Every structure is written in structure tokens, then in C-alpha cells.
Amino acid sequence: MTRQQRIEQALRDAFPGDDARVEDLSAQHHGHAGFDVQGSHFRVRVRSARFAGLGPLARHRLVYDALDPLLRQEVHSVTLDLGPL
């Protein structure tokens, strides 16, 4: 399973039934710090009913909690686009 697929699976587990998409932007960062050909830079878009009434920081915390093991060991950078359904 690729890193992108593991991120997608972690999001599906944390936000079942919600819209979660992951785009690998690693190729745009070739030669930059943290670049890894297996995937190191990602854009994550999540639309979830769980975000209703939450501010940006609380939304980010929910996603970071879901991705914590990957962010600590494998992913250099993640850009988040989060919003309610």
C-alpha cells in the first residue's frame, strides 16, 4: 500500500462516509527538503459533518490525530483543506 493509500485509509477510518481526498504533490518538491519519491508532500481535503460548528484549529486537530503515526514517521508535509458537509 502506498503512503497516499495509507493516508486515504486513515481518513476513511476517522471520517467514515465523509468526503476525503488526498493528492500527492511530492513531484512538485523534487530537490527540496523532505522529498521522498515514495510520497512526502500531500494535499488533504476533507468535508465532514464532524466539522460543523468547529473552528479551523479544532478541525485540524481531528485530522492530525487521524494521521499522527504517518505524520511522525513518513510524511514531510501536508496541506489541509477542511470544511463541513
C-alpha atoms as a PDB file:
ATOM      1  CA  MET A   1       0.000   0.000   0.000  1.00  0.00           C
ATOM      2  CA  THR A   2       1.399   3.431  -0.932  1.00  0.00           C
ATOM      3  CA  ARG A   3       1.664   6.320   1.514  1.00  0.00           C
ATOM      4  CA  GLN A   4      -1.146   8.086  -0.284  1.00  0.00           C
ATOM      5  CA  GLN A   5      -3.333   5.000   0.116  1.00  0.00           C
ATOM      6  CA  ARG A   6      -2.443   4.734   3.818  1.00  0.00           C
ATOM      7  CA  ILE A   7      -3.415   8.386   4.321  1.00  0.00           C
ATOM      8  CA  GLU A   8      -6.692   7.791   2.474  1.00  0.00           C
ATOM      9  CA  GLN A   9      -7.394   4.707   4.611  1.00  0.00           C
ATOM     10  CA  ALA A  10      -6.671   6.569   7.853  1.00  0.00           C
ATOM     11  CA  LEU A  11      -9.086   9.307   6.778  1.00  0.00           C
ATOM     12  CA  ARG A  12     -11.783   6.793   5.806  1.00  0.00           C
ATOM     13  CA  ASP A  13     -11.379   5.170   9.240  1.00  0.00           C
ATOM     14  CA  ALA A  14     -11.584   8.509  11.063  1.00  0.00           C
ATOM     15  CA  PHE A  15     -14.316  10.052   8.902  1.00  0.00           C
ATOM     16  CA  PRO A  16     -16.453   7.141   7.651  1.00  0.00           C
ATOM     17  CA  GLY A  17     -18.865   8.091   4.907  1.00  0.00           C
ATOM     18  CA  ASP A  18     -17.439  11.609   4.550  1.00  0.00           C
ATOM     19  CA  ASP A  19     -15.652  13.110   1.549  1.00  0.00           C
ATOM     20  CA  ALA A  20     -11.884  12.720   1.954  1.00  0.00           C
ATOM     21  CA  ARG A  21      -9.409  13.154  -0.891  1.00  0.00           C
ATOM     22  CA  VAL A  22      -5.628  13.006  -0.969  1.00  0.00           C
ATOM     23  CA  GLU A  23      -3.381  14.404  -3.678  1.00  0.00           C
ATOM     24  CA  ASP A  24       0.327  13.568  -3.845  1.00  0.00           C
ATOM     25  CA  LEU A  25       2.270  16.783  -4.519  1.00  0.00           C
ATOM     26  CA  SER A  26       5.700  15.229  -3.999  1.00  0.00           C
ATOM     27  CA  ALA A  27       6.850  15.654  -7.604  1.00  0.00           C
ATOM     28  CA  GLN A  28       6.496  19.425  -7.215  1.00  0.00           C
ATOM     29  CA  HIS A  29       9.025  19.293  -4.367  1.00  0.00           C
ATOM     30  CA  HIS A  30      11.778  17.294  -6.041  1.00  0.00           C
ATOM     31  CA  GLY A  31      15.090  18.533  -4.694  1.00  0.00           C
ATOM     32  CA  HIS A  32      13.513  20.209  -1.633  1.00  0.00           C
ATOM     33  CA  ALA A  33      13.977  19.197   1.984  1.00  0.00           C
ATOM     34  CA  GLY A  34      11.985  16.128   2.926  1.00  0.00           C
ATOM     35  CA  PHE A  35      11.387  14.988  -0.667  1.00  0.00           C
ATOM     36  CA  ASP A  36      10.853  11.256  -0.988  1.00  0.00           C
ATOM     37  CA  VAL A  37       9.978   9.508  -4.239  1.00  0.00           C
ATOM     38  CA  GLN A  38       7.547   7.266  -2.304  1.00  0.00           C
ATOM     39  CA  GLY A  39       5.499  10.335  -1.361  1.00  0.00           C
ATOM     40  CA  SER A  40       6.335  13.076   1.088  1.00  0.00           C
ATOM     41  CA  HIS A  41       4.139  16.101   0.327  1.00  0.00           C
ATOM     42  CA  PHE A  42       0.354  15.770   0.247  1.00  0.00           C
ATOM     43  CA  ARG A  43      -2.780  17.889  -0.019  1.00  0.00           C
ATOM     44  CA  VAL A  44      -5.682  16.560   2.056  1.00  0.00           C
ATOM     45  CA  ARG A  45      -9.274  17.698   1.504  1.00  0.00           C
ATOM     46  CA  VAL A  46     -11.949  16.568   3.946  1.00  0.00           C
ATOM     47  CA  ARG A  47     -15.608  17.546   4.082  1.00  0.00           C
ATOM     48  CA  SER A  48     -17.220  16.156   7.213  1.00  0.00           C
ATOM     49  CA  ALA A  49     -20.328  16.715   9.300  1.00  0.00           C
ATOM     50  CA  ARG A  50     -17.978  16.381  12.305  1.00  0.00           C
ATOM     51  CA  PHE A  51     -16.535  19.794  11.393  1.00  0.00           C
ATOM     52  CA  ALA A  52     -19.857  21.636  11.788  1.00  0.00           C
ATOM     53  CA  GLY A  53     -19.513  24.311  14.434  1.00  0.00           C
ATOM     54  CA  LEU A  54     -15.762  23.760  14.843  1.00  0.00           C
ATOM     55  CA  GLY A  55     -13.126  26.357  14.131  1.00  0.00           C
ATOM     56  CA  PRO A  56     -10.107  25.719  11.916  1.00  0.00           C
ATOM     57  CA  LEU A  57      -7.822  24.658  14.781  1.00  0.00           C
ATOM     58  CA  ALA A  58     -10.272  22.028  16.059  1.00  0.00           C
ATOM     59  CA  ARG A  59     -10.758  20.683  12.520  1.00  0.00           C
ATOM     60  CA  HIS A  60      -7.007  20.448  12.001  1.00  0.00           C
ATOM     61  CA  ARG A  61      -6.595  18.609  15.300  1.00  0.00           C
ATOM     62  CA  LEU A  62      -9.124  15.959  14.266  1.00  0.00           C
ATOM     63  CA  VAL A  63      -7.263  15.304  11.021  1.00  0.00           C
ATOM     64  CA  TYR A  64      -3.809  15.421  12.610  1.00  0.00           C
ATOM     65  CA  ASP A  65      -4.977  12.909  15.233  1.00  0.00           C
ATOM     66  CA  ALA A  66      -6.127  10.566  12.456  1.00  0.00           C
ATOM     67  CA  LEU A  67      -2.835  10.896  10.577  1.00  0.00           C
ATOM     68  CA  ASP A  68      -0.486  11.094  13.572  1.00  0.00           C
ATOM     69  CA  PRO A  69       1.537   7.895  13.006  1.00  0.00           C
ATOM     70  CA  LEU A  70       2.118   8.756   9.340  1.00  0.00           C
ATOM     71  CA  LEU A  71       2.986  12.379  10.058  1.00  0.00           C
ATOM     72  CA  ARG A  72       5.511  11.403  12.708  1.00  0.00           C
ATOM     73  CA  GLN A  73       7.391   8.903  10.573  1.00  0.00           C
ATOM     74  CA  GLU A  74       6.682   9.121   6.863  1.00  0.00           C
ATOM     75  CA  VAL A  75       5.140  12.373   5.668  1.00  0.00           C
ATOM     76  CA  HIS A  76       7.151  15.572   5.425  1.00  0.00           C
ATOM     77  CA  SER A  77       4.348  17.998   4.597  1.00  0.00           C
ATOM     78  CA  VAL A  78       0.567  18.019   4.482  1.00  0.00           C
ATOM     79  CA  THR A  79      -1.667  20.868   3.376  1.00  0.00           C
ATOM     80  CA  LEU A  80      -5.200  20.728   4.759  1.00  0.00           C
ATOM     81  CA  ASP A  81      -8.434  21.929   3.165  1.00  0.00           C
ATOM     82  CA  LEU A  82     -11.187  21.195   5.687  1.00  0.00           C
ATOM     83  CA  GLY A  83     -14.834  22.083   5.848  1.00  0.00           C
ATOM     84  CA  PRO A  84     -18.285  20.893   6.887  1.00  0.00           C
ATOM     85  CA  LEU A  85     -20.500  18.910   4.532  1.00  0.00           C
END
